[in-house]
Amino acid sequence: MPRYTALTIHLCLEILYNVVTVLWIQVFDRSPLPQKQSSEPPAPQPESGYVVAFGISRREQEVILLICQGRTNQEIADSLFISLKTVKDHNYRIFQKTGVRNRVELVQLVRGNGQAGQPA
């Protein structure tokens, strides 16, 4: 038997062994996959009272969430990959829609502790 034939057969059997092992694990392994740990808490749900009541957009929800975490405008801009001016524009629209005057009132509104202004 030529030298390369034995080497080729050996290599093919190793590949076959590895393929069968991977397929076996995929078919029969029912253990749950580890969940990716996220440092970011989940975004506010669309059915949240303030979201519906004030017509808050998805991006505004993200900004509100970061405000509630105590982030600065610059940190919010960095997290969402938007400019500082855009964050300030979102803040202005959020304050106008909800009728709050500052971040503290906004956080109280979101947590259900404050009185909201009239929806715009």
C-alpha atoms as a PDB file:
ATOM      1  CA  MET A   1       0.000   0.000   0.000  1.00  0.00           C
ATOM      2  CA  PRO A   2       1.451   3.410  -0.917  1.00  0.00           C
ATOM      3  CA  ARG A   3       2.475   5.661   1.954  1.00  0.00           C
ATOM      4  CA  TYR A   4       0.067   8.491   1.085  1.00  0.00           C
ATOM      5  CA  THR A   5      -2.929   6.177   0.853  1.00  0.00           C
ATOM      6  CA  ALA A   6      -2.656   5.202   4.520  1.00  0.00           C
ATOM      7  CA  LEU A   7      -2.202   8.840   5.512  1.00  0.00           C
ATOM      8  CA  THR A   8      -5.234   9.860   3.453  1.00  0.00           C
ATOM      9  CA  ILE A   9      -7.411   7.138   5.000  1.00  0.00           C
ATOM     10  CA  HIS A  10      -6.272   8.106   8.497  1.00  0.00           C
ATOM     11  CA  LEU A  11      -7.040  11.795   7.851  1.00  0.00           C
ATOM     12  CA  CYS A  12     -10.489  10.995   6.413  1.00  0.00           C
ATOM     13  CA  LEU A  13     -11.368   8.863   9.442  1.00  0.00           C
ATOM     14  CA  GLU A  14     -10.354  11.667  11.832  1.00  0.00           C
ATOM     15  CA  ILE A  15     -12.485  14.186   9.936  1.00  0.00           C
ATOM     16  CA  LEU A  16     -15.420  11.767   9.918  1.00  0.00           C
ATOM     17  CA  TYR A  17     -15.025  11.192  13.668  1.00  0.00           C
ATOM     18  CA  ASN A  18     -15.092  14.948  14.337  1.00  0.00           C
ATOM     19  CA  VAL A  19     -18.091  15.559  12.078  1.00  0.00           C
ATOM     20  CA  VAL A  20     -20.067  12.733  13.702  1.00  0.00           C
ATOM     21  CA  THR A  21     -19.202  14.069  17.167  1.00  0.00           C
ATOM     22  CA  VAL A  22     -20.358  17.588  16.334  1.00  0.00           C
ATOM     23  CA  LEU A  23     -23.579  16.347  14.755  1.00  0.00           C
ATOM     24  CA  TRP A  24     -24.264  14.074  17.735  1.00  0.00           C
ATOM     25  CA  ILE A  25     -23.915  17.010  20.123  1.00  0.00           C
ATOM     26  CA  GLN A  26     -26.145  19.245  18.001  1.00  0.00           C
ATOM     27  CA  VAL A  27     -28.880  16.651  17.712  1.00  0.00           C
ATOM     28  CA  PHE A  28     -28.944  15.227  21.228  1.00  0.00           C
ATOM     29  CA  ASP A  29     -27.685  18.009  23.485  1.00  0.00           C
ATOM     30  CA  ARG A  30     -30.756  19.663  24.989  1.00  0.00           C
ATOM     31  CA  SER A  31     -29.006  21.759  27.621  1.00  0.00           C
ATOM     32  CA  PRO A  32     -29.858  25.450  27.424  1.00  0.00           C
ATOM     33  CA  LEU A  33     -27.277  27.709  25.872  1.00  0.00           C
ATOM     34  CA  PRO A  34     -25.617  30.151  28.230  1.00  0.00           C
ATOM     35  CA  GLN A  35     -27.307  33.535  28.097  1.00  0.00           C
ATOM     36  CA  LYS A  36     -25.258  36.515  27.063  1.00  0.00           C
ATOM     37  CA  GLN A  37     -24.782  38.760  30.047  1.00  0.00           C
ATOM     38  CA  SER A  38     -25.739  42.308  29.137  1.00  0.00           C
ATOM     39  CA  SER A  39     -24.678  45.293  31.157  1.00  0.00           C
ATOM     40  CA  GLU A  40     -27.662  47.186  29.794  1.00  0.00           C
ATOM     41  CA  PRO A  41     -31.040  46.645  31.444  1.00  0.00           C
ATOM     42  CA  PRO A  42     -33.952  45.870  29.148  1.00  0.00           C
ATOM     43  CA  ALA A  43     -35.565  48.789  27.358  1.00  0.00           C
ATOM     44  CA  PRO A  44     -38.917  50.073  28.602  1.00  0.00           C
ATOM     45  CA  GLN A  45     -41.793  48.103  27.146  1.00  0.00           C
ATOM     46  CA  PRO A  46     -44.038  49.782  24.571  1.00  0.00           C
ATOM     47  CA  GLU A  47     -47.084  49.066  26.705  1.00  0.00           C
ATOM     48  CA  SER A  48     -45.660  51.159  29.568  1.00  0.00           C
ATOM     49  CA  GLY A  49     -48.162  53.790  30.622  1.00  0.00           C
ATOM     50  CA  TYR A  50     -45.988  56.807  29.946  1.00  0.00           C
ATOM     51  CA  VAL A  51     -44.893  55.494  26.525  1.00  0.00           C
ATOM     52  CA  VAL A  52     -48.468  55.225  25.270  1.00  0.00           C
ATOM     53  CA  ALA A  53     -49.783  58.266  27.112  1.00  0.00           C
ATOM     54  CA  PHE A  54     -47.150  60.658  25.803  1.00  0.00           C
ATOM     55  CA  GLY A  55     -46.347  59.102  22.416  1.00  0.00           C
ATOM     56  CA  ILE A  56     -42.732  58.326  23.272  1.00  0.00           C
ATOM     57  CA  SER A  57     -40.724  56.945  20.331  1.00  0.00           C
ATOM     58  CA  ARG A  58     -38.439  53.922  20.590  1.00  0.00           C
ATOM     59  CA  ARG A  59     -35.302  56.085  20.504  1.00  0.00           C
ATOM     60  CA  GLU A  60     -36.750  58.375  23.159  1.00  0.00           C
ATOM     61  CA  GLN A  61     -37.391  55.268  25.284  1.00  0.00           C
ATOM     62  CA  GLU A  62     -33.707  54.397  25.007  1.00  0.00           C
ATOM     63  CA  VAL A  63     -32.721  57.924  26.046  1.00  0.00           C
ATOM     64  CA  ILE A  64     -35.150  57.829  28.991  1.00  0.00           C
ATOM     65  CA  LEU A  65     -33.739  54.484  30.123  1.00  0.00           C
ATOM     66  CA  LEU A  66     -30.204  55.883  30.136  1.00  0.00           C
ATOM     67  CA  ILE A  67     -31.347  59.032  31.935  1.00  0.00           C
ATOM     68  CA  CYS A  68     -32.934  56.824  34.608  1.00  0.00           C
ATOM     69  CA  GLN A  69     -29.564  55.081  34.990  1.00  0.00           C
ATOM     70  CA  GLY A  70     -28.009  58.448  35.809  1.00  0.00           C
ATOM     71  CA  ARG A  71     -26.005  58.796  32.612  1.00  0.00           C
ATOM     72  CA  THR A  72     -24.848  62.194  31.365  1.00  0.00           C
ATOM     73  CA  ASN A  73     -25.775  63.486  27.924  1.00  0.00           C
ATOM     74  CA  GLN A  74     -22.293  62.651  26.648  1.00  0.00           C
ATOM     75  CA  GLU A  75     -22.506  59.105  28.019  1.00  0.00           C
ATOM     76  CA  ILE A  76     -25.911  58.693  26.365  1.00  0.00           C
ATOM     77  CA  ALA A  77     -24.491  59.947  23.060  1.00  0.00           C
ATOM     78  CA  ASP A  78     -21.600  57.493  23.296  1.00  0.00           C
ATOM     79  CA  SER A  79     -23.892  54.571  24.211  1.00  0.00           C
ATOM     80  CA  LEU A  80     -26.334  55.206  21.358  1.00  0.00           C
ATOM     81  CA  PHE A  81     -23.715  56.311  18.806  1.00  0.00           C
ATOM     82  CA  ILE A  82     -25.395  59.658  18.235  1.00  0.00           C
ATOM     83  CA  SER A  83     -24.201  63.236  18.635  1.00  0.00           C
ATOM     84  CA  LEU A  84     -24.485  65.252  21.821  1.00  0.00           C
ATOM     85  CA  LYS A  85     -26.809  67.678  19.998  1.00  0.00           C
ATOM     86  CA  THR A  86     -29.131  64.809  19.070  1.00  0.00           C
ATOM     87  CA  VAL A  87     -29.295  63.699  22.714  1.00  0.00           C
ATOM     88  CA  LYS A  88     -30.181  67.255  23.749  1.00  0.00           C
ATOM     89  CA  ASP A  89     -32.877  67.354  21.050  1.00  0.00           C
ATOM     90  CA  HIS A  90     -34.318  64.071  22.353  1.00  0.00           C
ATOM     91  CA  ASN A  91     -34.266  65.446  25.904  1.00  0.00           C
ATOM     92  CA  TYR A  92     -36.118  68.574  24.786  1.00  0.00           C
ATOM     93  CA  ARG A  93     -38.806  66.570  22.968  1.00  0.00           C
ATOM     94  CA  ILE A  94     -39.186  64.168  25.895  1.00  0.00           C
ATOM     95  CA  PHE A  95     -39.581  67.070  28.333  1.00  0.00           C
ATOM     96  CA  GLN A  96     -42.125  68.731  26.009  1.00  0.00           C
ATOM     97  CA  LYS A  97     -44.158  65.558  25.544  1.00  0.00           C
ATOM     98  CA  THR A  98     -44.246  64.615  29.212  1.00  0.00           C
ATOM     99  CA  GLY A  99     -44.498  68.104  30.690  1.00  0.00           C
ATOM    100  CA  VAL A 100     -41.565  67.614  33.064  1.00  0.00           C
ATOM    101  CA  ARG A 101     -38.991  70.329  33.732  1.00  0.00           C
ATOM    102  CA  ASN A 102     -35.900  68.274  34.550  1.00  0.00           C
ATOM    103  CA  ARG A 103     -34.402  64.809  34.754  1.00  0.00           C
ATOM    104  CA  VAL A 104     -35.508  64.240  38.337  1.00  0.00           C
ATOM    105  CA  GLU A 105     -39.152  64.785  37.419  1.00  0.00           C
ATOM    106  CA  LEU A 106     -38.721  62.530  34.399  1.00  0.00           C
ATOM    107  CA  VAL A 107     -37.314  59.703  36.526  1.00  0.00           C
ATOM    108  CA  GLN A 108     -40.170  60.118  39.009  1.00  0.00           C
ATOM    109  CA  LEU A 109     -42.674  60.003  36.167  1.00  0.00           C
ATOM    110  CA  VAL A 110     -41.147  56.850  34.699  1.00  0.00           C
ATOM    111  CA  ARG A 111     -41.064  55.131  38.071  1.00  0.00           C
ATOM    112  CA  GLY A 112     -44.670  56.123  38.676  1.00  0.00           C
ATOM    113  CA  ASN A 113     -43.957  58.459  41.585  1.00  0.00           C
ATOM    114  CA  GLY A 114     -44.600  61.806  39.954  1.00  0.00           C
ATOM    115  CA  GLN A 115     -47.448  63.737  38.412  1.00  0.00           C
ATOM    116  CA  ALA A 116     -47.181  64.035  34.675  1.00  0.00           C
ATOM    117  CA  GLY A 117     -48.096  67.037  32.592  1.00  0.00           C
ATOM    118  CA  GLN A 118     -50.714  66.865  29.886  1.00  0.00           C
ATOM    119  CA  PRO A 119     -49.802  64.810  26.819  1.00  0.00           C
ATOM    120  CA  ALA A 120     -48.992  66.952  23.800  1.00  0.00           C
END
